[in-house]
Amino acid sequence: MIDQAHYDGPSTDRVKAPPPLGRMGARIQELASTPVAQRSIDLYAALAEVAR
């Protein structure tokens, strides 16, 4: 889980602020926020038959 609040704010004498997430981190957040695909179990059964 990525909490953007952990990346906000300046450094202090005790704690150094982490670098920004960047493009890869933004892409990971985007992928994590997409809904899970709902598929029929029949699709997976058909794929298993083809793989044999």
PDB file of N, CA and C in Angstrom:
ATOM      1  N   MET A   1       0.845  -1.164   0.000  1.00  0.00           N
ATOM      2  CA  MET A   1       0.000   0.000   0.000  1.00  0.00           C
ATOM      3  C   MET A   1       0.892   1.229   0.000  1.00  0.00           C
ATOM      4  N   ILE A   2       0.577   2.158  -0.823  1.00  0.00           N
ATOM      5  CA  ILE A   2       1.337   3.398  -0.905  1.00  0.00           C
ATOM      6  C   ILE A   2       0.477   4.517  -0.344  1.00  0.00           C
ATOM      7  N   ASP A   3       0.969   5.171   0.685  1.00  0.00           N
ATOM      8  CA  ASP A   3       0.268   6.305   1.274  1.00  0.00           C
ATOM      9  C   ASP A   3       1.012   7.562   0.853  1.00  0.00           C
ATOM     10  N   GLN A   4       0.399   8.358  -0.017  1.00  0.00           N
ATOM     11  CA  GLN A   4       1.047   9.552  -0.547  1.00  0.00           C
ATOM     12  C   GLN A   4       1.442  10.516   0.570  1.00  0.00           C
ATOM     13  N   ALA A   5       0.738  10.502   1.697  1.00  0.00           N
ATOM     14  CA  ALA A   5       1.069  11.391   2.809  1.00  0.00           C
ATOM     15  C   ALA A   5       2.470  11.115   3.346  1.00  0.00           C
ATOM     16  N   HIS A   6       2.960   9.890   3.170  1.00  0.00           N
ATOM     17  CA  HIS A   6       4.312   9.566   3.620  1.00  0.00           C
ATOM     18  C   HIS A   6       5.371  10.263   2.775  1.00  0.00           C
ATOM     19  N   TYR A   7       4.992  10.710   1.587  1.00  0.00           N
ATOM     20  CA  TYR A   7       5.929  11.341   0.672  1.00  0.00           C
ATOM     21  C   TYR A   7       5.813  12.852   0.675  1.00  0.00           C
ATOM     22  N   ASP A   8       4.878  13.397   1.435  1.00  0.00           N
ATOM     23  CA  ASP A   8       4.674  14.834   1.486  1.00  0.00           C
ATOM     24  C   ASP A   8       5.423  15.430   2.675  1.00  0.00           C
ATOM     25  N   GLY A   9       5.793  16.672   2.536  1.00  0.00           N
ATOM     26  CA  GLY A   9       6.414  17.391   3.641  1.00  0.00           C
ATOM     27  C   GLY A   9       7.925  17.480   3.518  1.00  0.00           C
ATOM     28  N   PRO A  10       8.487  18.446   4.200  1.00  0.00           N
ATOM     29  CA  PRO A  10       9.937  18.664   4.123  1.00  0.00           C
ATOM     30  C   PRO A  10      10.704  17.741   5.071  1.00  0.00           C
ATOM     31  N   SER A  11      12.008  17.699   4.885  1.00  0.00           N
ATOM     32  CA  SER A  11      12.880  16.958   5.797  1.00  0.00           C
ATOM     33  C   SER A  11      12.991  17.730   7.112  1.00  0.00           C
ATOM     34  N   THR A  12      13.295  16.998   8.178  1.00  0.00           N
ATOM     35  CA  THR A  12      13.575  17.622   9.472  1.00  0.00           C
ATOM     36  C   THR A  12      14.995  17.227   9.872  1.00  0.00           C
ATOM     37  N   ASP A  13      15.447  17.657  11.068  1.00  0.00           N
ATOM     38  CA  ASP A  13      16.803  17.269  11.488  1.00  0.00           C
ATOM     39  C   ASP A  13      16.874  15.770  11.756  1.00  0.00           C
ATOM     40  N   ARG A  14      15.748  15.147  12.092  1.00  0.00           N
ATOM     41  CA  ARG A  14      15.757  13.718  12.412  1.00  0.00           C
ATOM     42  C   ARG A  14      15.343  12.827  11.245  1.00  0.00           C
ATOM     43  N   VAL A  15      14.540  13.367  10.333  1.00  0.00           N
ATOM     44  CA  VAL A  15      13.967  12.542   9.266  1.00  0.00           C
ATOM     45  C   VAL A  15      14.214  13.201   7.917  1.00  0.00           C
ATOM     46  N   LYS A  16      14.726  12.414   6.975  1.00  0.00           N
ATOM     47  CA  LYS A  16      14.908  12.906   5.613  1.00  0.00           C
ATOM     48  C   LYS A  16      13.690  12.496   4.788  1.00  0.00           C
ATOM     49  N   ALA A  17      13.111  13.447   4.096  1.00  0.00           N
ATOM     50  CA  ALA A  17      11.925  13.160   3.284  1.00  0.00           C
ATOM     51  C   ALA A  17      12.300  12.217   2.148  1.00  0.00           C
ATOM     52  N   PRO A  18      11.470  11.213   1.856  1.00  0.00           N
ATOM     53  CA  PRO A  18      11.758  10.303   0.744  1.00  0.00           C
ATOM     54  C   PRO A  18      11.596  11.026  -0.589  1.00  0.00           C
ATOM     55  N   PRO A  19      12.238  10.519  -1.624  1.00  0.00           N
ATOM     56  CA  PRO A  19      12.066  11.145  -2.944  1.00  0.00           C
ATOM     57  C   PRO A  19      10.644  10.927  -3.453  1.00  0.00           C
ATOM     58  N   PRO A  20      10.187  11.754  -4.380  1.00  0.00           N
ATOM     59  CA  PRO A  20       8.857  11.558  -4.950  1.00  0.00           C
ATOM     60  C   PRO A  20       8.755  10.204  -5.647  1.00  0.00           C
ATOM     61  N   LEU A  21       7.545   9.720  -5.812  1.00  0.00           N
ATOM     62  CA  LEU A  21       7.334   8.407  -6.408  1.00  0.00           C
ATOM     63  C   LEU A  21       7.794   8.334  -7.849  1.00  0.00           C
ATOM     64  N   GLY A  22       7.648   9.378  -8.608  1.00  0.00           N
ATOM     65  CA  GLY A  22       8.069   9.366 -10.004  1.00  0.00           C
ATOM     66  C   GLY A  22       7.068   8.660 -10.902  1.00  0.00           C
ATOM     67  N   ARG A  23       7.470   8.433 -12.144  1.00  0.00           N
ATOM     68  CA  ARG A  23       6.558   7.841 -13.135  1.00  0.00           C
ATOM     69  C   ARG A  23       6.182   6.412 -12.787  1.00  0.00           C
ATOM     70  N   MET A  24       7.164   5.614 -12.350  1.00  0.00           N
ATOM     71  CA  MET A  24       6.864   4.216 -12.050  1.00  0.00           C
ATOM     72  C   MET A  24       5.909   4.119 -10.858  1.00  0.00           C
ATOM     73  N   GLY A  25       6.146   4.902  -9.834  1.00  0.00           N
ATOM     74  CA  GLY A  25       5.262   4.888  -8.672  1.00  0.00           C
ATOM     75  C   GLY A  25       3.857   5.343  -9.020  1.00  0.00           C
ATOM     76  N   ALA A  26       3.762   6.352  -9.871  1.00  0.00           N
ATOM     77  CA  ALA A  26       2.447   6.821 -10.312  1.00  0.00           C
ATOM     78  C   ALA A  26       1.732   5.730 -11.102  1.00  0.00           C
ATOM     79  N   ARG A  27       2.472   5.004 -11.925  1.00  0.00           N
ATOM     80  CA  ARG A  27       1.866   3.911 -12.712  1.00  0.00           C
ATOM     81  C   ARG A  27       1.396   2.787 -11.800  1.00  0.00           C
ATOM     82  N   ILE A  28       2.175   2.469 -10.778  1.00  0.00           N
ATOM     83  CA  ILE A  28       1.779   1.432  -9.817  1.00  0.00           C
ATOM     84  C   ILE A  28       0.501   1.843  -9.105  1.00  0.00           C
ATOM     85  N   GLN A  29       0.417   3.108  -8.697  1.00  0.00           N
ATOM     86  CA  GLN A  29      -0.812   3.589  -8.056  1.00  0.00           C
ATOM     87  C   GLN A  29      -1.998   3.502  -9.004  1.00  0.00           C
ATOM     88  N   GLU A  30      -1.776   3.838 -10.267  1.00  0.00           N
ATOM     89  CA  GLU A  30      -2.853   3.768 -11.261  1.00  0.00           C
ATOM     90  C   GLU A  30      -3.332   2.329 -11.432  1.00  0.00           C
ATOM     91  N   LEU A  31      -2.408   1.386 -11.535  1.00  0.00           N
ATOM     92  CA  LEU A  31      -2.781  -0.022 -11.682  1.00  0.00           C
ATOM     93  C   LEU A  31      -3.500  -0.547 -10.444  1.00  0.00           C
ATOM     94  N   ALA A  32      -3.059  -0.119  -9.270  1.00  0.00           N
ATOM     95  CA  ALA A  32      -3.684  -0.584  -8.029  1.00  0.00           C
ATOM     96  C   ALA A  32      -5.108  -0.060  -7.879  1.00  0.00           C
ATOM     97  N   SER A  33      -5.396   1.085  -8.481  1.00  0.00           N
ATOM     98  CA  SER A  33      -6.731   1.663  -8.326  1.00  0.00           C
ATOM     99  C   SER A  33      -7.734   1.137  -9.356  1.00  0.00           C
ATOM    100  N   THR A  34      -7.270   0.374 -10.351  1.00  0.00           N
ATOM    101  CA  THR A  34      -8.202  -0.163 -11.344  1.00  0.00           C
ATOM    102  C   THR A  34      -8.997  -1.320 -10.734  1.00  0.00           C
ATOM    103  N   PRO A  35     -10.249  -1.462 -11.130  1.00  0.00           N
ATOM    104  CA  PRO A  35     -11.067  -2.544 -10.567  1.00  0.00           C
ATOM    105  C   PRO A  35     -10.588  -3.916 -11.061  1.00  0.00           C
ATOM    106  N   VAL A  36     -10.889  -4.913 -10.291  1.00  0.00           N
ATOM    107  CA  VAL A  36     -10.520  -6.289 -10.631  1.00  0.00           C
ATOM    108  C   VAL A  36     -11.461  -6.792 -11.715  1.00  0.00           C
ATOM    109  N   ALA A  37     -10.902  -7.433 -12.715  1.00  0.00           N
ATOM    110  CA  ALA A  37     -11.716  -7.973 -13.818  1.00  0.00           C
ATOM    111  C   ALA A  37     -12.512  -9.175 -13.316  1.00  0.00           C
ATOM    112  N   GLN A  38     -13.800  -9.183 -13.611  1.00  0.00           N
ATOM    113  CA  GLN A  38     -14.681 -10.289 -13.248  1.00  0.00           C
ATOM    114  C   GLN A  38     -14.845 -11.187 -14.464  1.00  0.00           C
ATOM    115  N   ARG A  39     -14.429 -12.440 -14.331  1.00  0.00           N
ATOM    116  CA  ARG A  39     -14.545 -13.389 -15.441  1.00  0.00           C
ATOM    117  C   ARG A  39     -15.221 -14.662 -14.963  1.00  0.00           C
ATOM    118  N   SER A  40     -15.858 -15.322 -15.893  1.00  0.00           N
ATOM    119  CA  SER A  40     -16.522 -16.581 -15.595  1.00  0.00           C
ATOM    120  C   SER A  40     -15.477 -17.672 -15.379  1.00  0.00           C
ATOM    121  N   ILE A  41     -15.780 -18.615 -14.504  1.00  0.00           N
ATOM    122  CA  ILE A  41     -14.888 -19.752 -14.274  1.00  0.00           C
ATOM    123  C   ILE A  41     -14.792 -20.613 -15.536  1.00  0.00           C
ATOM    124  N   ASP A  42     -15.829 -20.534 -16.376  1.00  0.00           N
ATOM    125  CA  ASP A  42     -15.814 -21.287 -17.638  1.00  0.00           C
ATOM    126  C   ASP A  42     -14.673 -20.838 -18.547  1.00  0.00           C
ATOM    127  N   LEU A  43     -14.329 -19.572 -18.514  1.00  0.00           N
ATOM    128  CA  LEU A  43     -13.209 -19.073 -19.307  1.00  0.00           C
ATOM    129  C   LEU A  43     -11.918 -19.758 -18.880  1.00  0.00           C
ATOM    130  N   TYR A  44     -11.688 -19.858 -17.586  1.00  0.00           N
ATOM    131  CA  TYR A  44     -10.470 -20.493 -17.085  1.00  0.00           C
ATOM    132  C   TYR A  44     -10.477 -22.005 -17.380  1.00  0.00           C
ATOM    133  N   ALA A  45     -11.622 -22.623 -17.344  1.00  0.00           N
ATOM    134  CA  ALA A  45     -11.724 -24.034 -17.695  1.00  0.00           C
ATOM    135  C   ALA A  45     -11.362 -24.247 -19.165  1.00  0.00           C
ATOM    136  N   ALA A  46     -11.837 -23.354 -20.021  1.00  0.00           N
ATOM    137  CA  ALA A  46     -11.525 -23.449 -21.445  1.00  0.00           C
ATOM    138  C   ALA A  46     -10.027 -23.228 -21.685  1.00  0.00           C
ATOM    139  N   LEU A  47      -9.448 -22.285 -20.977  1.00  0.00           N
ATOM    140  CA  LEU A  47      -8.004 -22.040 -21.114  1.00  0.00           C
ATOM    141  C   LEU A  47      -7.193 -23.239 -20.648  1.00  0.00           C
ATOM    142  N   ALA A  48      -7.649 -23.880 -19.596  1.00  0.00           N
ATOM    143  CA  ALA A  48      -6.944 -25.064 -19.099  1.00  0.00           C
ATOM    144  C   ALA A  48      -7.025 -26.203 -20.101  1.00  0.00           C
ATOM    145  N   GLU A  49      -8.150 -26.337 -20.784  1.00  0.00           N
ATOM    146  CA  GLU A  49      -8.301 -27.390 -21.798  1.00  0.00           C
ATOM    147  C   GLU A  49      -7.373 -27.140 -22.989  1.00  0.00           C
ATOM    148  N   VAL A  50      -7.222 -25.889 -23.380  1.00  0.00           N
ATOM    149  CA  VAL A  50      -6.347 -25.548 -24.495  1.00  0.00           C
ATOM    150  C   VAL A  50      -4.898 -25.817 -24.130  1.00  0.00           C
ATOM    151  N   ALA A  51      -4.537 -25.618 -22.889  1.00  0.00           N
ATOM    152  CA  ALA A  51      -3.153 -25.783 -22.433  1.00  0.00           C
ATOM    153  C   ALA A  51      -2.733 -27.242 -22.371  1.00  0.00           C
ATOM    154  N   ARG A  52      -3.676 -28.169 -22.375  1.00  0.00           N
ATOM    155  CA  ARG A  52      -3.323 -29.598 -22.263  1.00  0.00           C
ATOM    156  C   ARG A  52      -2.716 -30.144 -23.491  1.00  0.00           C
TER     157      ARG A  52
END
